[in-house]
């Protein structure tokens, strides 16, 4: 599984930092976003194997991000 691409999306920078650090230490390629609009832009330009998304965010909720990703 190492080398797979993961997108972490959360409006809490500490959660993003901890998740990113742990996943990278396990060999994953990780990108992150602190808001939904940026996450959607990343999804449109890159392919990810897994999304880790906060469902309750202020601008665009995680459900909308997942709907667009699908």
N, C-alpha and C. Protein backbone atom coordinates (compact mmCIF):
# COMPACT_ATOMS: atom_id res chain seq x y z
N UNK A 1 0.80 -1.20 0.00
CA UNK A 1 0.00 0.00 0.00
C UNK A 1 0.84 1.26 0.00
N UNK A 2 2.07 1.16 0.40
CA UNK A 2 2.93 2.33 0.41
C UNK A 2 3.01 2.95 -0.98
N UNK A 3 3.07 4.24 -1.03
CA UNK A 3 3.14 4.95 -2.29
C UNK A 3 1.79 5.39 -2.81
N UNK A 4 0.72 4.90 -2.22
CA UNK A 4 -0.61 5.33 -2.66
C UNK A 4 -0.86 6.77 -2.23
N UNK A 5 -1.69 7.45 -3.01
CA UNK A 5 -1.95 8.88 -2.78
C UNK A 5 -3.19 9.08 -1.92
N UNK A 6 -3.03 9.89 -0.88
CA UNK A 6 -4.13 10.17 0.05
C UNK A 6 -4.32 11.69 0.15
N UNK A 7 -5.57 12.11 0.14
CA UNK A 7 -5.92 13.51 0.36
C UNK A 7 -6.59 13.63 1.72
N UNK A 8 -6.03 14.48 2.57
CA UNK A 8 -6.58 14.74 3.90
C UNK A 8 -7.20 16.14 3.87
N UNK A 9 -8.48 16.23 4.24
CA UNK A 9 -9.19 17.52 4.21
C UNK A 9 -9.84 17.77 5.56
N UNK A 10 -9.44 18.84 6.21
CA UNK A 10 -10.03 19.23 7.49
C UNK A 10 -9.75 20.69 7.73
N UNK A 11 -10.69 21.40 8.33
CA UNK A 11 -10.47 22.81 8.63
C UNK A 11 -9.65 23.02 9.90
N UNK A 12 -9.32 21.96 10.60
CA UNK A 12 -8.48 22.02 11.80
C UNK A 12 -7.04 21.66 11.40
N UNK A 13 -6.15 22.64 11.43
CA UNK A 13 -4.78 22.42 10.96
C UNK A 13 -4.03 21.38 11.77
N UNK A 14 -4.35 21.24 13.04
CA UNK A 14 -3.67 20.23 13.87
C UNK A 14 -4.04 18.81 13.44
N UNK A 15 -5.28 18.60 13.10
CA UNK A 15 -5.71 17.28 12.63
C UNK A 15 -5.02 16.96 11.30
N UNK A 16 -4.98 17.93 10.41
CA UNK A 16 -4.31 17.73 9.12
C UNK A 16 -2.84 17.40 9.34
N UNK A 17 -2.20 18.13 10.24
CA UNK A 17 -0.77 17.92 10.51
C UNK A 17 -0.50 16.52 11.06
N UNK A 18 -1.29 16.08 12.03
CA UNK A 18 -1.09 14.76 12.64
C UNK A 18 -1.35 13.65 11.63
N UNK A 19 -2.45 13.75 10.90
CA UNK A 19 -2.77 12.72 9.90
C UNK A 19 -1.70 12.65 8.82
N UNK A 20 -1.28 13.80 8.33
CA UNK A 20 -0.28 13.84 7.27
C UNK A 20 1.03 13.22 7.74
N UNK A 21 1.46 13.59 8.92
CA UNK A 21 2.72 13.06 9.46
C UNK A 21 2.67 11.54 9.63
N UNK A 22 1.59 11.04 10.19
CA UNK A 22 1.46 9.60 10.42
C UNK A 22 1.39 8.82 9.11
N UNK A 23 0.65 9.34 8.15
CA UNK A 23 0.51 8.64 6.87
C UNK A 23 1.80 8.65 6.07
N UNK A 24 2.49 9.78 6.08
CA UNK A 24 3.78 9.85 5.37
C UNK A 24 4.80 8.91 6.00
N UNK A 25 4.79 8.80 7.33
CA UNK A 25 5.71 7.89 8.02
C UNK A 25 5.45 6.44 7.62
N UNK A 26 4.23 6.15 7.17
CA UNK A 26 3.88 4.80 6.72
C UNK A 26 4.12 4.60 5.23
N UNK A 27 4.66 5.62 4.57
CA UNK A 27 5.02 5.49 3.17
C UNK A 27 4.01 5.99 2.16
N UNK A 28 2.94 6.60 2.63
CA UNK A 28 1.93 7.12 1.71
C UNK A 28 2.34 8.49 1.18
N UNK A 29 1.87 8.81 -0.01
CA UNK A 29 2.04 10.14 -0.58
C UNK A 29 0.80 10.92 -0.15
N UNK A 30 1.00 11.99 0.61
CA UNK A 30 -0.13 12.70 1.21
C UNK A 30 -0.15 14.16 0.77
N UNK A 31 -1.33 14.60 0.38
CA UNK A 31 -1.58 16.02 0.16
C UNK A 31 -2.70 16.40 1.11
N UNK A 32 -2.77 17.68 1.42
CA UNK A 32 -3.79 18.10 2.38
C UNK A 32 -4.39 19.43 1.97
N UNK A 33 -5.54 19.69 2.56
CA UNK A 33 -6.25 20.94 2.32
C UNK A 33 -6.99 21.33 3.59
N UNK A 34 -7.03 22.63 3.84
CA UNK A 34 -7.74 23.14 5.02
C UNK A 34 -9.14 23.64 4.67
N UNK A 35 -9.53 23.58 3.41
CA UNK A 35 -10.89 23.98 3.05
C UNK A 35 -11.41 23.19 1.86
N UNK A 36 -12.71 23.16 1.74
CA UNK A 36 -13.36 22.36 0.72
C UNK A 36 -13.08 22.79 -0.70
N UNK A 37 -13.03 24.08 -0.93
CA UNK A 37 -12.80 24.57 -2.30
C UNK A 37 -11.43 24.16 -2.81
N UNK A 38 -10.42 24.26 -1.97
CA UNK A 38 -9.08 23.84 -2.37
C UNK A 38 -9.06 22.32 -2.61
N UNK A 39 -9.75 21.57 -1.77
CA UNK A 39 -9.81 20.12 -1.93
C UNK A 39 -10.43 19.74 -3.27
N UNK A 40 -11.49 20.42 -3.64
CA UNK A 40 -12.15 20.14 -4.92
C UNK A 40 -11.20 20.46 -6.07
N UNK A 41 -10.46 21.55 -5.97
CA UNK A 41 -9.48 21.89 -7.01
C UNK A 41 -8.42 20.79 -7.13
N UNK A 42 -7.94 20.28 -6.00
CA UNK A 42 -6.96 19.20 -6.02
C UNK A 42 -7.54 17.94 -6.66
N UNK A 43 -8.79 17.64 -6.35
CA UNK A 43 -9.44 16.46 -6.92
C UNK A 43 -9.59 16.56 -8.44
N UNK A 44 -9.76 17.76 -8.92
CA UNK A 44 -9.93 17.95 -10.36
C UNK A 44 -8.62 17.84 -11.12
N UNK A 45 -7.50 18.04 -10.43
CA UNK A 45 -6.22 17.99 -11.15
C UNK A 45 -5.39 16.74 -10.85
N UNK A 46 -5.73 16.00 -9.79
CA UNK A 46 -4.93 14.83 -9.41
C UNK A 46 -5.83 13.66 -9.03
N UNK A 47 -5.26 12.47 -9.09
CA UNK A 47 -5.98 11.26 -8.71
C UNK A 47 -5.51 10.83 -7.31
N UNK A 48 -6.46 10.47 -6.46
CA UNK A 48 -6.15 9.99 -5.12
C UNK A 48 -6.76 8.61 -4.92
N UNK A 49 -6.05 7.79 -4.15
CA UNK A 49 -6.53 6.45 -3.85
C UNK A 49 -7.47 6.44 -2.65
N UNK A 50 -7.33 7.44 -1.79
CA UNK A 50 -8.13 7.51 -0.57
C UNK A 50 -8.34 8.96 -0.17
N UNK A 51 -9.54 9.27 0.31
CA UNK A 51 -9.84 10.59 0.86
C UNK A 51 -10.14 10.44 2.34
N UNK A 52 -9.55 11.31 3.14
CA UNK A 52 -9.90 11.40 4.56
C UNK A 52 -10.46 12.81 4.72
N UNK A 53 -11.77 12.89 4.95
CA UNK A 53 -12.46 14.17 4.87
C UNK A 53 -13.30 14.42 6.12
N UNK A 54 -13.15 15.61 6.69
CA UNK A 54 -14.02 16.05 7.77
C UNK A 54 -15.40 16.33 7.16
N UNK A 55 -16.43 15.80 7.75
CA UNK A 55 -17.78 16.00 7.19
C UNK A 55 -18.35 17.36 7.49
N UNK A 56 -17.94 17.97 8.61
CA UNK A 56 -18.51 19.26 9.02
C UNK A 56 -17.45 20.35 8.93
N UNK A 57 -17.49 21.08 7.80
CA UNK A 57 -16.57 22.19 7.59
C UNK A 57 -17.37 23.42 7.20
N UNK A 58 -16.82 24.61 7.40
CA UNK A 58 -17.61 25.83 7.21
C UNK A 58 -17.98 26.18 5.77
N UNK A 59 -17.10 25.95 4.80
CA UNK A 59 -17.42 26.41 3.45
C UNK A 59 -18.16 25.35 2.62
N UNK A 60 -17.55 24.22 2.46
CA UNK A 60 -18.15 23.10 1.74
C UNK A 60 -18.01 21.88 2.63
N UNK A 61 -19.10 21.20 2.91
CA UNK A 61 -18.99 20.06 3.83
C UNK A 61 -18.39 18.84 3.13
N UNK A 62 -17.96 17.90 3.93
CA UNK A 62 -17.31 16.71 3.42
C UNK A 62 -18.17 15.88 2.50
N UNK A 63 -19.47 15.89 2.73
CA UNK A 63 -20.37 15.13 1.85
C UNK A 63 -20.32 15.67 0.42
N UNK A 64 -20.26 16.99 0.28
CA UNK A 64 -20.18 17.59 -1.05
C UNK A 64 -18.84 17.24 -1.72
N UNK A 65 -17.77 17.26 -0.96
CA UNK A 65 -16.46 16.89 -1.49
C UNK A 65 -16.49 15.44 -1.99
N UNK A 66 -17.06 14.55 -1.19
CA UNK A 66 -17.14 13.14 -1.57
C UNK A 66 -18.03 12.94 -2.79
N UNK A 67 -19.12 13.70 -2.88
CA UNK A 67 -20.01 13.62 -4.03
C UNK A 67 -19.26 14.02 -5.31
N UNK A 68 -18.50 15.07 -5.24
CA UNK A 68 -17.74 15.54 -6.40
C UNK A 68 -16.65 14.54 -6.76
N UNK A 69 -16.00 13.99 -5.76
CA UNK A 69 -14.92 13.02 -5.99
C UNK A 69 -15.42 11.76 -6.66
N UNK A 70 -16.62 11.39 -6.34
CA UNK A 70 -17.19 10.16 -6.87
C UNK A 70 -17.46 10.31 -8.34
